[in-house]
Amino acid sequence: MSVSDLGVGLVAQPLQIYLLVSNINILSQSYIDLDHYEAIIHAYRVVANVLKYASFFSIVALSADRFLVIRLQLQYQDAITHKRAITGVISFWLLSAFLPLIRLREWLPENIFFILTVTIQFISLITAGLFYFKTFLASRQHAAQVQDVPVESGETNEAVNATRERKAALGIFYVYLALMACYLPIICFNIAENVIGPVRTSLGYKVNLYVTILLALNSSLSPLIYCWKMRRIRQAMINILSQPFQN
């Protein structure tokens, strides 16, 4: 997910800023290169969609991973090997790139493609939510088991691990909530446009602008949430940022 967030910051957001400035120039009747403008629009749509789908699939993968960590415990390393993790990451990135390619090449009618992508987005959000609910139940069960373990059997280490697992799951759950808050408005706006037709009013343009900005904001919120809820990540960020001042 960090790769998709970085991609939004380095590629998608600069393209979005260029398009916003170009729209202002169009409204003020200033000259712009329309061919270049249309090429940037296509590039932005492809990049934004690839990163959007990657974010959806990443949050599902993270929610599933947190559930398996608590559920499998000692068997986690055997079940989720490095090779399987790499295969999963490559698979959802290939799928994230393939979906915008379908639209770019017009392999499916526009309405069929829209139904397909909205279905994928809603299934991803619901699946991630179910995993987090199961993680919550599993963490409670694990905490109850730890309380029943005698001190001489290593209760302290088990309790620390259980607390760490719950904090990690809670941190990623906040990332999931941020994803919901940032993506649901644009999904609902796109559904409304496909049901009632493109909105050409001033209000429609403003709503489109706000939901698009909110979509890009998600990639800025996720790192902040990780630093806020996960002490190890926060400490690593502090160490990196303080290095230039230590020389």
Protein backbone atom coordinates (compact mmCIF):
# COMPACT_ATOMS: atom_id res chain seq x y z
CA MET A 1 0.00 0.00 0.00
CA SER A 2 2.93 2.32 0.61
CA VAL A 3 3.88 1.99 -3.07
CA SER A 4 0.43 3.11 -4.20
CA ASP A 5 0.50 6.03 -1.72
CA LEU A 6 3.93 7.06 -2.98
CA GLY A 7 2.72 6.80 -6.58
CA VAL A 8 -0.19 9.10 -5.82
CA GLY A 9 2.14 11.70 -4.31
CA LEU A 10 4.80 11.55 -7.03
CA VAL A 11 2.67 11.03 -10.14
CA ALA A 12 -1.11 11.28 -9.70
CA GLN A 13 -1.25 14.47 -7.63
CA PRO A 14 1.13 16.49 -9.90
CA LEU A 15 -0.96 15.45 -12.90
CA GLN A 16 -4.11 16.43 -11.03
CA ILE A 17 -2.65 19.86 -10.20
CA TYR A 18 -1.73 20.36 -13.87
CA LEU A 19 -5.29 19.52 -14.92
CA LEU A 20 -6.78 21.87 -12.32
CA VAL A 21 -4.56 24.73 -13.53
CA SER A 22 -5.45 23.90 -17.13
CA ASN A 23 -9.16 23.97 -16.30
CA ILE A 24 -8.72 27.40 -14.76
CA ASN A 25 -6.95 28.59 -17.91
CA ILE A 26 -9.76 27.18 -20.05
CA LEU A 27 -12.38 29.00 -17.99
CA SER A 28 -10.38 32.24 -18.27
CA GLN A 29 -10.06 31.61 -22.04
CA SER A 30 -6.27 31.42 -21.87
CA TYR A 31 -4.41 29.45 -24.51
CA ILE A 32 -3.48 25.84 -23.78
CA ASP A 33 -2.29 22.99 -25.97
CA LEU A 34 -5.44 20.85 -26.23
CA ASP A 35 -3.59 17.79 -27.56
CA HIS A 36 -1.20 17.92 -24.63
CA TYR A 37 -4.10 18.52 -22.25
CA GLU A 38 -6.00 15.46 -23.51
CA ALA A 39 -2.86 13.31 -23.27
CA ILE A 40 -2.42 14.36 -19.64
CA ILE A 41 -6.08 13.52 -18.95
CA HIS A 42 -5.61 10.00 -20.31
CA ALA A 43 -2.35 9.57 -18.35
CA TYR A 44 -3.99 10.79 -15.15
CA ARG A 45 -6.98 8.48 -15.56
CA VAL A 46 -4.77 5.44 -16.13
CA VAL A 47 -2.38 6.22 -13.27
CA ALA A 48 -5.16 7.20 -10.84
CA ASN A 49 -7.15 4.05 -11.61
CA VAL A 50 -4.13 1.75 -11.28
CA LEU A 51 -3.26 3.26 -7.90
CA LYS A 52 -6.91 3.28 -6.81
CA TYR A 53 -7.37 -0.43 -7.45
CA ALA A 54 -3.99 -1.17 -5.87
CA SER A 55 -5.12 0.66 -2.71
CA PHE A 56 -8.33 -1.37 -2.59
CA PHE A 57 -6.56 -4.69 -3.03
CA SER A 58 -3.80 -3.68 -0.58
CA ILE A 59 -6.25 -2.87 2.19
CA VAL A 60 -7.96 -6.24 1.66
CA ALA A 61 -4.58 -8.00 1.76
CA LEU A 62 -3.57 -6.15 4.93
CA SER A 63 -6.85 -6.94 6.65
CA ALA A 64 -6.50 -10.61 5.72
CA ASP A 65 -2.88 -10.60 6.93
CA ARG A 66 -3.83 -9.13 10.33
CA PHE A 67 -6.54 -11.77 10.70
CA LEU A 68 -4.15 -14.60 9.85
CA VAL A 69 -1.48 -13.28 12.25
CA ILE A 70 -3.90 -13.50 15.18
CA ARG A 71 -5.70 -16.61 13.98
CA LEU A 72 -2.71 -18.78 13.05
CA GLN A 73 -0.19 -17.35 15.53
CA LEU A 74 2.78 -19.78 15.51
CA GLN A 75 1.66 -21.37 12.24
CA TYR A 76 1.61 -17.99 10.45
CA GLN A 77 5.21 -18.19 9.20
CA ASP A 78 4.57 -21.63 7.69
CA ALA A 79 1.31 -20.61 6.01
CA ILE A 80 2.34 -17.16 4.70
CA THR A 81 5.79 -17.64 3.24
CA HIS A 82 7.84 -14.90 1.58
CA LYS A 83 7.23 -16.47 -1.84
CA ARG A 84 3.45 -16.55 -1.35
CA ALA A 85 3.43 -12.94 -0.15
CA ILE A 86 5.41 -11.76 -3.19
CA THR A 87 3.10 -13.73 -5.48
CA GLY A 88 0.06 -12.10 -3.92
CA VAL A 89 1.49 -8.59 -4.25
CA ILE A 90 2.44 -9.13 -7.91
CA SER A 91 -0.99 -10.58 -8.63
CA PHE A 92 -3.01 -7.65 -7.31
CA TRP A 93 -0.71 -5.12 -9.00
CA LEU A 94 -1.16 -6.93 -12.33
CA LEU A 95 -4.92 -6.91 -11.79
CA SER A 96 -4.77 -3.22 -10.86
CA ALA A 97 -3.00 -2.48 -14.16
CA PHE A 98 -5.26 -4.75 -16.20
CA LEU A 99 -8.54 -3.09 -15.21
CA PRO A 100 -7.63 0.40 -16.57
CA LEU A 101 -6.29 -1.31 -19.70
CA ILE A 102 -9.75 -2.77 -20.32
CA ARG A 103 -11.21 0.74 -20.33
CA LEU A 104 -8.37 2.25 -22.35
CA ARG A 105 -8.69 -0.41 -25.08
CA GLU A 106 -12.50 -0.39 -24.86
CA TRP A 107 -12.68 -4.15 -24.59
CA LEU A 108 -15.98 -3.84 -22.70
CA PRO A 109 -18.93 -1.45 -23.12
CA GLU A 110 -18.71 1.54 -20.80
CA ASN A 111 -21.72 0.54 -18.69
CA ILE A 112 -20.50 -3.06 -18.27
CA PHE A 113 -17.03 -1.86 -17.27
CA PHE A 114 -18.54 0.58 -14.76
CA ILE A 115 -20.65 -2.17 -13.15
CA LEU A 116 -17.57 -4.43 -13.01
CA THR A 117 -15.34 -1.85 -11.31
CA VAL A 118 -17.98 -0.67 -8.82
CA THR A 119 -18.67 -4.29 -7.91
CA ILE A 120 -14.95 -4.92 -7.34
CA GLN A 121 -14.67 -1.81 -5.15
CA PHE A 122 -17.67 -2.67 -3.00
CA ILE A 123 -16.61 -6.32 -2.65
CA SER A 124 -13.12 -5.17 -1.60
CA LEU A 125 -14.50 -2.81 1.04
CA ILE A 126 -16.97 -5.39 2.39
CA THR A 127 -14.34 -8.16 2.42
CA ALA A 128 -11.88 -5.95 4.30
CA GLY A 129 -14.61 -5.02 6.79
CA LEU A 130 -15.43 -8.69 7.41
CA PHE A 131 -11.76 -9.51 7.96
CA TYR A 132 -11.46 -6.70 10.50
CA PHE A 133 -14.55 -7.92 12.32
CA LYS A 134 -13.11 -11.44 12.43
CA THR A 135 -9.77 -10.00 13.58
CA PHE A 136 -11.53 -8.20 16.42
CA LEU A 137 -13.24 -11.42 17.54
CA ALA A 138 -10.04 -13.44 17.22
CA SER A 139 -8.02 -10.87 19.19
CA ARG A 140 -10.58 -10.93 22.01
CA GLN A 141 -10.45 -14.73 22.07
CA HIS A 142 -6.65 -14.65 22.08
CA ALA A 143 -6.59 -12.11 24.93
CA ALA A 144 -8.95 -14.32 26.96
CA GLN A 145 -6.67 -17.33 26.39
CA VAL A 146 -3.61 -15.35 27.48
CA GLN A 147 -5.29 -14.41 30.77
CA ASP A 148 -5.78 -18.10 31.55
CA VAL A 149 -2.09 -18.96 31.00
CA PRO A 150 -0.02 -19.28 34.22
CA VAL A 151 2.78 -16.75 34.73
CA GLU A 152 5.51 -19.41 34.67
CA SER A 153 4.44 -20.45 31.17
CA GLY A 154 5.41 -17.12 29.65
CA GLU A 155 2.29 -15.08 30.21
CA THR A 156 4.21 -11.80 30.00
CA ASN A 157 5.55 -12.40 26.49
CA GLU A 158 2.19 -13.69 25.30
CA ALA A 159 0.42 -10.66 26.73
CA VAL A 160 2.89 -8.29 25.06
CA ASN A 161 2.46 -10.05 21.72
CA ALA A 162 -1.32 -10.02 22.02
CA THR A 163 -1.30 -6.29 22.81
CA ARG A 164 1.02 -5.61 19.88
CA GLU A 165 -1.19 -7.62 17.53
CA ARG A 166 -4.30 -5.70 18.63
CA LYS A 167 -2.57 -2.35 18.18
CA ALA A 168 -1.36 -3.31 14.70
CA ALA A 169 -4.83 -4.50 13.70
CA LEU A 170 -6.39 -1.34 15.11
CA GLY A 171 -3.93 0.84 13.22
CA ILE A 172 -4.75 -0.79 9.90
CA PHE A 173 -8.46 -0.60 10.75
CA TYR A 174 -8.10 3.20 10.94
CA VAL A 175 -6.43 3.08 7.52
CA TYR A 176 -9.47 1.15 6.30
CA LEU A 177 -11.82 3.80 7.73
CA ALA A 178 -9.80 6.53 6.00
CA LEU A 179 -10.04 4.59 2.74
CA MET A 180 -13.81 4.33 3.15
CA ALA A 181 -14.15 8.06 3.89
CA CYS A 182 -12.02 9.06 0.89
CA TYR A 183 -13.28 6.58 -1.71
CA LEU A 184 -17.00 6.25 -0.99
CA PRO A 185 -17.84 9.86 -2.03
CA ILE A 186 -16.30 9.49 -5.50
CA ILE A 187 -17.85 6.03 -5.92
CA CYS A 188 -21.29 7.46 -5.08
CA PHE A 189 -20.67 10.44 -7.39
CA ASN A 190 -19.71 8.13 -10.28
CA ILE A 191 -22.81 6.01 -9.65
CA ALA A 192 -24.99 9.14 -9.71
CA GLU A 193 -23.41 10.27 -12.99
CA ASN A 194 -24.01 6.90 -14.60
CA VAL A 195 -27.62 6.81 -13.41
CA ILE A 196 -28.73 10.38 -14.16
CA GLY A 197 -26.08 11.31 -16.71
CA PRO A 198 -23.07 13.68 -16.55
CA VAL A 199 -23.62 16.66 -14.28
CA ARG A 200 -22.83 19.86 -16.21
CA THR A 201 -23.86 22.38 -13.58
CA SER A 202 -21.51 24.51 -11.50
CA LEU A 203 -22.44 22.47 -8.41
CA GLY A 204 -21.64 19.24 -10.25
CA TYR A 205 -18.17 20.47 -11.21
CA LYS A 206 -17.49 21.55 -7.62
CA VAL A 207 -18.61 18.21 -6.21
CA ASN A 208 -16.46 16.38 -8.76
CA LEU A 209 -13.48 18.54 -7.79
CA TYR A 210 -13.95 17.94 -4.05
CA VAL A 211 -14.40 14.17 -4.29
CA THR A 212 -11.36 13.92 -6.57
CA ILE A 213 -9.20 15.88 -4.12
CA LEU A 214 -10.55 13.74 -1.26
CA LEU A 215 -9.57 10.62 -3.21
CA ALA A 216 -5.95 11.79 -3.49
CA LEU A 217 -5.94 12.85 0.18
CA ASN A 218 -6.23 9.21 1.25
CA SER A 219 -2.60 8.58 0.31
CA SER A 220 -1.50 11.37 2.63
CA LEU A 221 -3.67 10.18 5.51
CA SER A 222 -2.48 6.55 5.51
CA PRO A 223 1.18 7.28 6.43
CA LEU A 224 0.03 9.69 9.16
CA ILE A 225 -2.24 7.03 10.64
CA TYR A 226 0.55 4.44 10.59
CA CYS A 227 2.87 6.86 12.42
CA TRP A 228 0.15 7.73 14.90
CA LYS A 229 -0.95 4.19 15.81
CA MET A 230 2.27 2.16 15.40
CA ARG A 231 5.14 3.13 17.65
CA ARG A 232 7.81 1.24 15.70
CA ILE A 233 6.92 3.04 12.48
CA ARG A 234 6.71 6.36 14.32
CA GLN A 235 10.13 5.83 15.87
CA ALA A 236 11.62 4.83 12.51
CA MET A 237 10.23 8.03 10.93
CA ILE A 238 11.65 10.14 13.77
CA ASN A 239 15.06 8.51 13.32
CA ILE A 240 15.04 9.14 9.56
CA LEU A 241 13.94 12.77 9.90
CA SER A 242 16.46 13.49 12.66
CA GLN A 243 19.49 12.10 10.79
CA PRO A 244 20.29 15.34 8.85
CA PHE A 245 20.43 17.27 12.14
CA GLN A 246 22.79 14.78 13.77
CA ASN A 247 25.64 15.35 11.29
